[in-house]
N, C-alpha and C. Protein backbone atom coordinates (compact mmCIF):
# COMPACT_ATOMS: atom_id res chain seq x y z
N UNK A 1 106.68 106.98 105.86
CA UNK A 1 105.56 106.29 105.05
C UNK A 1 106.03 104.93 105.07
N UNK A 2 105.03 104.01 105.12
CA UNK A 2 105.20 102.58 105.10
C UNK A 2 104.49 102.06 104.05
N UNK A 3 104.94 100.97 103.22
CA UNK A 3 104.16 100.08 102.32
C UNK A 3 104.66 98.81 102.39
N UNK A 4 103.47 98.03 102.30
CA UNK A 4 103.44 96.54 102.11
C UNK A 4 103.68 96.17 100.45
N UNK A 5 104.71 95.55 100.14
CA UNK A 5 104.97 95.22 98.65
C UNK A 5 104.72 93.67 98.75
N UNK A 6 103.94 93.34 97.73
CA UNK A 6 103.75 91.78 97.33
C UNK A 6 105.04 91.61 96.57
N UNK A 7 105.67 90.70 97.07
CA UNK A 7 107.02 90.23 96.32
C UNK A 7 107.18 88.76 95.96
N UNK A 8 107.13 88.61 94.76
CA UNK A 8 107.09 87.37 94.09
C UNK A 8 108.46 86.77 93.86
N UNK A 9 109.41 87.63 93.62
CA UNK A 9 110.69 87.39 93.19
C UNK A 9 110.89 87.67 91.76
N UNK A 10 109.78 87.91 91.24
CA UNK A 10 109.89 88.46 89.78
C UNK A 10 110.35 89.81 89.28
N UNK A 11 110.67 90.11 88.12
CA UNK A 11 110.93 91.49 88.00
C UNK A 11 109.85 92.54 88.20
N UNK A 12 108.48 92.15 87.95
CA UNK A 12 107.79 93.15 88.14
C UNK A 12 107.46 93.62 89.50
N UNK A 13 107.42 92.62 90.59
CA UNK A 13 107.50 93.06 91.98
C UNK A 13 108.49 93.74 92.45
N UNK A 14 109.86 93.47 91.90
CA UNK A 14 110.95 94.05 92.22
C UNK A 14 111.00 95.34 91.83
N UNK A 15 110.51 95.56 90.62
CA UNK A 15 110.66 96.96 89.98
C UNK A 15 109.65 97.89 90.83
N UNK A 16 108.40 97.26 91.23
CA UNK A 16 107.44 98.15 91.86
C UNK A 16 107.92 98.39 93.43
N UNK A 17 108.62 97.39 93.95
CA UNK A 17 109.20 97.65 95.20
C UNK A 17 110.24 98.72 95.27
N UNK A 18 111.01 98.69 94.04
CA UNK A 18 112.21 99.76 93.90
C UNK A 18 111.66 101.07 93.88
N UNK A 19 110.66 101.27 93.11
CA UNK A 19 110.09 102.36 92.93
C UNK A 19 109.29 103.02 94.11
N UNK A 20 108.82 102.27 94.88
CA UNK A 20 108.20 102.68 96.13
C UNK A 20 109.32 103.05 97.10
N UNK A 21 110.18 102.41 97.18
CA UNK A 21 111.55 102.68 98.07
C UNK A 21 112.09 104.04 97.68
N UNK A 22 112.24 104.22 96.33
CA UNK A 22 112.69 105.41 95.78
C UNK A 22 111.87 106.62 96.12
N UNK A 23 110.59 106.38 96.30
CA UNK A 23 109.54 107.39 96.57
C UNK A 23 109.36 107.58 98.15
N UNK A 24 110.27 106.86 98.77
CA UNK A 24 110.43 107.29 100.34
C UNK A 24 109.80 106.30 101.19
N UNK A 25 109.07 105.23 100.64
CA UNK A 25 108.33 104.16 101.46
C UNK A 25 109.37 103.29 102.20
N UNK A 26 109.25 103.06 103.44
CA UNK A 26 109.75 101.97 104.16
C UNK A 26 108.95 100.61 103.77
N UNK A 27 109.68 99.58 103.33
CA UNK A 27 108.96 98.62 102.68
C UNK A 27 108.85 97.49 103.67
N UNK A 28 107.67 96.72 103.72
CA UNK A 28 107.45 95.41 104.31
C UNK A 28 106.99 94.48 103.38
N UNK A 29 107.91 93.56 102.97
CA UNK A 29 107.53 92.55 101.97
C UNK A 29 106.78 91.22 102.46
N UNK A 30 105.90 91.10 101.49
CA UNK A 30 105.12 89.93 101.84
C UNK A 30 105.25 88.84 100.46
N UNK A 31 105.70 87.68 100.73
CA UNK A 31 105.71 86.63 99.71
C UNK A 31 104.88 85.27 100.21
N UNK A 32 104.04 85.18 99.19
CA UNK A 32 103.08 84.02 99.57
C UNK A 32 103.45 82.82 98.62
N UNK A 33 103.73 81.76 99.43
CA UNK A 33 103.81 80.45 98.75
C UNK A 33 102.41 79.85 98.59
N UNK A 34 101.97 79.83 97.36
CA UNK A 34 100.48 79.44 97.21
C UNK A 34 100.36 78.02 96.62
N UNK A 35 101.57 77.31 96.54
CA UNK A 35 101.63 76.00 95.88
C UNK A 35 102.00 76.00 94.51
N UNK A 36 102.68 77.20 94.22
CA UNK A 36 103.02 77.26 92.72
C UNK A 36 104.07 76.29 92.37
N UNK A 37 104.11 75.84 91.20
CA UNK A 37 105.12 74.94 90.59
C UNK A 37 106.55 75.38 90.70
N UNK A 38 106.83 76.70 90.39
CA UNK A 38 108.11 77.25 90.36
C UNK A 38 108.33 77.84 91.75
N UNK A 39 108.85 76.95 92.69
CA UNK A 39 109.13 77.34 94.08
C UNK A 39 110.33 78.14 94.05
N UNK A 40 111.22 78.19 93.04
CA UNK A 40 112.38 79.03 92.90
C UNK A 40 112.16 80.34 92.97
N UNK A 41 110.90 80.81 92.77
CA UNK A 41 110.52 82.36 92.83
C UNK A 41 110.49 82.71 94.49
N UNK A 42 110.15 81.80 95.15
CA UNK A 42 110.44 82.09 96.79
C UNK A 42 111.86 82.36 96.98
N UNK A 43 112.89 81.73 96.64
CA UNK A 43 114.25 81.97 96.76
C UNK A 43 114.59 83.37 96.25
N UNK A 44 114.04 83.59 95.07
CA UNK A 44 114.35 84.98 94.40
C UNK A 44 113.67 86.02 95.22
N UNK A 45 112.71 85.70 95.69
CA UNK A 45 112.03 86.87 96.62
C UNK A 45 112.92 87.31 97.86
N UNK A 46 113.48 86.25 98.41
CA UNK A 46 114.33 86.56 99.51
C UNK A 46 115.53 87.35 99.08
N UNK A 47 116.04 87.14 98.02
CA UNK A 47 117.19 87.92 97.41
C UNK A 47 116.83 89.28 97.24
N UNK A 48 115.66 89.47 96.50
CA UNK A 48 115.04 90.71 96.29
C UNK A 48 114.77 91.66 97.43
N UNK A 49 114.29 90.94 98.44
CA UNK A 49 113.85 91.59 99.91
C UNK A 49 115.19 92.25 100.45
N UNK A 50 116.22 91.29 100.48
CA UNK A 50 117.49 91.82 100.94
C UNK A 50 117.99 93.06 100.11
N UNK A 51 117.96 92.88 98.89
CA UNK A 51 118.46 93.98 98.00
C UNK A 51 117.77 95.25 98.13
N UNK A 52 116.38 95.10 98.48
CA UNK A 52 115.56 96.35 98.78
C UNK A 52 115.77 96.89 100.04
N UNK A 53 116.24 96.14 100.96
CA UNK A 53 116.34 96.50 102.22
C UNK A 53 115.27 96.69 103.03
N UNK A 54 114.30 95.68 102.93
CA UNK A 54 113.00 95.81 103.47
C UNK A 54 113.06 95.72 105.02
N UNK A 55 112.10 96.26 105.72
CA UNK A 55 112.17 96.34 107.23
C UNK A 55 111.85 95.18 107.69
N UNK A 56 110.84 94.39 106.97
CA UNK A 56 110.55 92.84 107.37
C UNK A 56 110.10 92.19 106.18
N UNK A 57 110.33 90.77 106.23
CA UNK A 57 109.81 90.09 105.07
C UNK A 57 109.15 88.85 105.72
N UNK A 58 107.82 88.72 105.32
CA UNK A 58 107.16 87.63 105.79
C UNK A 58 106.75 86.80 104.55
N UNK A 59 107.00 85.34 104.92
CA UNK A 59 106.86 84.39 103.81
C UNK A 59 105.44 83.61 104.57
N UNK A 60 104.38 83.56 103.77
CA UNK A 60 103.18 82.93 104.27
C UNK A 60 102.87 81.94 103.28
N UNK A 61 102.32 80.70 103.87
CA UNK A 61 101.99 79.63 103.16
C UNK A 61 100.39 79.59 103.04
N UNK A 62 99.88 79.54 101.79
CA UNK A 62 98.63 79.49 101.57
C UNK A 62 98.32 78.84 100.45
N UNK A 63 97.84 77.41 100.50
CA UNK A 63 97.86 76.43 99.37
C UNK A 63 96.64 76.66 98.55
N UNK A 64 96.88 77.26 97.33
CA UNK A 64 95.68 77.39 96.52
C UNK A 64 95.43 76.26 95.49
N UNK A 65 96.47 75.21 95.87
CA UNK A 65 96.15 74.11 94.97
C UNK A 65 94.82 73.34 95.20
N UNK A 66 94.30 73.49 96.48
CA UNK A 66 93.06 73.02 96.68
C UNK A 66 91.89 73.52 95.88
N UNK A 67 92.06 74.63 95.25
CA UNK A 67 91.01 75.13 94.25
C UNK A 67 91.22 74.63 92.93
N UNK A 68 92.56 74.40 92.63
CA UNK A 68 92.80 73.89 91.26
C UNK A 68 92.70 75.09 90.12
N UNK A 69 92.48 74.63 89.06
CA UNK A 69 92.00 75.66 88.03
C UNK A 69 93.20 76.27 87.31
N UNK A 70 94.51 75.85 87.59
CA UNK A 70 95.68 76.64 87.00
C UNK A 70 96.86 75.78 86.82
N UNK A 71 97.44 75.95 85.56
CA UNK A 71 98.74 75.22 85.41
C UNK A 71 99.78 75.68 86.34
N UNK A 72 99.73 76.70 86.93
CA UNK A 72 100.69 77.11 88.05
C UNK A 72 100.70 76.42 89.24
N UNK A 73 99.58 75.90 89.42
CA UNK A 73 99.51 75.10 90.79
C UNK A 73 99.38 73.55 90.50
N UNK A 74 99.82 73.18 89.35
CA UNK A 74 99.95 71.76 88.77
C UNK A 74 98.95 71.16 88.09
N UNK A 75 97.98 71.90 87.71
CA UNK A 75 96.76 71.57 86.95
C UNK A 75 97.17 71.50 85.49
N UNK A 76 97.82 70.71 84.74
CA UNK A 76 98.24 70.78 83.48
C UNK A 76 99.53 71.37 83.33
N UNK A 77 99.90 71.37 81.97
CA UNK A 77 101.33 71.90 81.63
C UNK A 77 101.45 73.25 81.60
N UNK A 78 102.44 73.81 81.94
CA UNK A 78 102.75 75.34 81.84
C UNK A 78 103.19 75.58 80.41
N UNK A 79 102.51 76.32 79.53
CA UNK A 79 102.93 76.66 78.31
C UNK A 79 104.41 77.13 78.17
N UNK A 80 105.05 76.73 77.05
CA UNK A 80 106.21 77.28 77.00
C UNK A 80 106.08 78.57 76.19
N UNK A 81 106.94 79.55 76.62
CA UNK A 81 106.75 80.94 76.00
C UNK A 81 105.38 81.56 76.44
N UNK A 82 104.85 82.42 75.73
CA UNK A 82 103.59 83.02 76.02
C UNK A 82 102.53 82.13 76.02
N UNK A 83 101.60 82.12 76.83
CA UNK A 83 100.45 81.23 76.73
C UNK A 83 99.45 82.00 75.80
N UNK A 84 99.51 81.55 74.47
CA UNK A 84 98.68 81.86 73.30
C UNK A 84 97.21 81.48 73.58
N UNK A 85 96.28 82.30 73.76
CA UNK A 85 95.04 82.20 73.97
C UNK A 85 94.08 83.03 73.01
N UNK A 86 92.98 82.58 72.86
CA UNK A 86 92.07 83.30 72.09
C UNK A 86 91.59 84.63 72.88
N UNK A 87 91.41 85.63 72.12
CA UNK A 87 90.87 87.11 72.68
C UNK A 87 89.87 86.81 73.54
N UNK A 88 89.73 87.23 74.93
CA UNK A 88 88.65 86.98 75.65
C UNK A 88 88.86 85.71 76.55
N UNK A 89 89.63 84.83 76.22
CA UNK A 89 89.85 83.71 76.99
C UNK A 89 90.79 83.78 78.03
N UNK A 90 90.65 82.95 79.12
CA UNK A 90 91.61 83.31 80.38
C UNK A 90 92.55 82.29 79.98
N UNK A 91 93.91 82.63 80.26
CA UNK A 91 95.08 81.69 80.07
C UNK A 91 95.02 80.50 81.13
N UNK A 92 95.65 79.43 80.84
CA UNK A 92 95.87 78.19 81.59
C UNK A 92 96.55 78.60 82.90
N UNK A 93 97.36 79.64 82.78
CA UNK A 93 98.27 80.06 83.99
C UNK A 93 97.65 80.94 84.97
N UNK A 94 96.45 81.26 84.58
CA UNK A 94 95.73 82.13 85.67
C UNK A 94 95.23 81.43 86.78
N UNK A 95 95.63 81.77 87.93
CA UNK A 95 95.15 81.21 89.24
C UNK A 95 94.06 82.09 89.81
N UNK A 96 92.90 81.47 89.70
CA UNK A 96 91.69 81.98 90.19
C UNK A 96 91.55 82.92 91.47
N UNK A 97 91.56 84.28 91.17
CA UNK A 97 91.47 85.24 92.26
C UNK A 97 92.84 85.35 93.10
N UNK A 98 93.90 84.89 92.50
CA UNK A 98 95.13 84.89 93.13
C UNK A 98 95.43 86.27 93.83
N UNK A 99 95.61 87.46 92.94
CA UNK A 99 95.99 88.64 93.22
C UNK A 99 94.90 89.18 94.23
N UNK A 100 93.66 89.08 93.95
CA UNK A 100 92.54 89.50 95.03
C UNK A 100 92.95 88.93 96.40
N UNK A 101 93.21 87.63 96.45
CA UNK A 101 93.52 87.18 97.68
C UNK A 101 94.77 87.73 98.33
N UNK A 102 95.75 87.84 97.59
CA UNK A 102 97.08 88.42 97.92
C UNK A 102 96.92 89.84 98.47
N UNK A 103 96.00 90.70 97.81
CA UNK A 103 95.88 92.04 98.23
C UNK A 103 95.16 92.12 99.56
N UNK A 104 94.14 91.19 99.64
CA UNK A 104 93.47 91.12 100.98
C UNK A 104 94.33 90.93 102.05
N UNK A 105 95.17 89.96 101.99
CA UNK A 105 96.20 89.49 103.04
C UNK A 105 97.20 90.81 103.25
N UNK A 106 97.58 91.37 102.19
CA UNK A 106 98.53 92.41 102.26
C UNK A 106 97.70 93.65 103.06
N UNK A 107 96.55 93.74 102.75
CA UNK A 107 95.82 94.72 103.53
C UNK A 107 95.79 94.59 104.94
N UNK A 108 95.37 93.24 105.45
CA UNK A 108 95.63 92.95 106.77
C UNK A 108 96.96 93.34 107.47
N UNK A 109 98.02 92.91 106.70
CA UNK A 109 99.33 93.17 107.30
C UNK A 109 99.65 94.85 107.32
N UNK A 110 99.02 95.47 106.46
CA UNK A 110 99.17 96.84 106.41
C UNK A 110 98.62 97.52 107.43
N UNK A 111 97.45 96.93 108.01
CA UNK A 111 96.77 97.49 109.14
C UNK A 111 97.66 97.32 110.27
N UNK A 112 98.32 96.19 110.50
CA UNK A 112 99.24 95.91 111.51
C UNK A 112 100.44 96.67 111.68
N UNK A 113 101.21 96.98 110.62
CA UNK A 113 102.29 97.71 110.55
C UNK A 113 102.22 99.18 110.28
N UNK A 114 100.89 99.61 110.05
CA UNK A 114 100.51 100.94 110.00
C UNK A 114 100.83 101.56 108.53
N UNK A 115 100.93 100.54 107.52
CA UNK A 115 101.27 101.05 106.08
C UNK A 115 100.16 101.88 105.58
N UNK A 116 100.41 102.91 104.81
CA UNK A 116 99.39 103.53 104.00
C UNK A 116 99.24 103.23 102.47
N UNK A 117 100.23 102.11 102.20
CA UNK A 117 100.05 101.90 100.77
C UNK A 117 100.42 100.39 100.64
N UNK A 118 99.85 99.90 99.54
CA UNK A 118 100.19 98.24 99.22
C UNK A 118 100.56 98.36 97.75
N UNK A 119 101.65 97.69 97.60
CA UNK A 119 102.51 97.79 96.12
C UNK A 119 102.42 96.44 95.55
N UNK A 120 102.07 96.37 94.32
CA UNK A 120 101.96 95.21 93.64
C UNK A 120 102.48 95.51 92.17
N UNK A 121 103.33 94.37 91.74
CA UNK A 121 103.75 94.69 90.21
C UNK A 121 103.14 93.56 89.58
N UNK A 122 102.28 93.98 88.46
CA UNK A 122 101.82 93.03 87.49
C UNK A 122 102.23 93.54 86.04
N UNK A 123 102.32 92.49 85.37
CA UNK A 123 102.91 92.64 83.98
C UNK A 123 101.83 93.33 82.83
N UNK A 124 102.13 94.31 82.19
CA UNK A 124 101.27 94.81 81.37
C UNK A 124 100.72 93.82 80.31
N UNK A 125 101.55 92.79 80.00
CA UNK A 125 101.05 91.82 79.00
C UNK A 125 100.00 90.97 79.66
N UNK A 126 100.10 90.84 81.07
CA UNK A 126 99.34 89.83 81.82
C UNK A 126 97.78 90.17 81.78
N UNK A 127 97.71 91.69 81.83
CA UNK A 127 96.37 92.21 82.11
C UNK A 127 95.22 91.80 81.02
N UNK A 128 95.74 91.64 79.86
CA UNK A 128 94.74 91.28 78.89
C UNK A 128 94.07 90.10 79.11
N UNK A 129 94.63 88.97 79.77
CA UNK A 129 93.96 87.71 79.95
C UNK A 129 93.75 87.52 81.48
N UNK A 130 94.41 88.21 82.40
CA UNK A 130 94.19 87.77 83.76
C UNK A 130 93.23 88.86 84.50
N UNK A 131 92.31 88.42 84.77
CA UNK A 131 91.13 89.40 85.25
C UNK A 131 91.60 90.43 86.56
N UNK A 132 92.42 89.70 87.38
CA UNK A 132 92.78 90.61 88.45
C UNK A 132 94.30 91.11 88.35
N UNK A 133 94.65 91.38 86.95
CA UNK A 133 95.91 92.18 86.68
C UNK A 133 95.44 93.48 85.75
N UNK A 134 94.20 93.52 85.39
CA UNK A 134 93.69 94.57 84.61
C UNK A 134 93.66 95.93 85.30
N UNK A 135 93.91 97.04 84.66
CA UNK A 135 94.08 98.20 85.37
C UNK A 135 92.64 98.51 86.10
N UNK A 136 91.55 98.27 85.44
CA UNK A 136 90.24 98.63 86.06
C UNK A 136 90.13 97.90 87.37
N UNK A 137 90.57 96.52 87.46
CA UNK A 137 90.56 95.92 88.83
C UNK A 137 91.40 96.70 89.78
N UNK A 138 92.62 96.97 89.41
CA UNK A 138 93.67 97.45 90.34
C UNK A 138 93.12 98.85 90.95
N UNK A 139 92.37 99.65 90.06
CA UNK A 139 92.04 100.97 90.59
C UNK A 139 91.23 100.68 91.62
């Protein structure tokens, strides 16, 4: 069994990848440089890919800064600590449709490598404000 894992370099994607590996999947890691302010995440993704023993690791450039709309791609300040926002309001760190776009790209690579699964790790605290982290979206 093969799986494409979206690997950001953070704890959520590392954990999701480790669970998939434990469950017997051969992992194909995909890291997308989307213009994020914290490029250190890409270095972490390389280390995580090595630690997970992935079959392949693709790093793809896709500049979402052109769309704007998020502190994560340089539009405004990234809040310190949790982005405290009113209930129902989308946080300033939400990159419009980022996970939707990433999952679409992962699906394309999954077809190429013959993967039967796509693995994504999202933070349970994120789903309240990020539309494409919500359980109903991911189902």
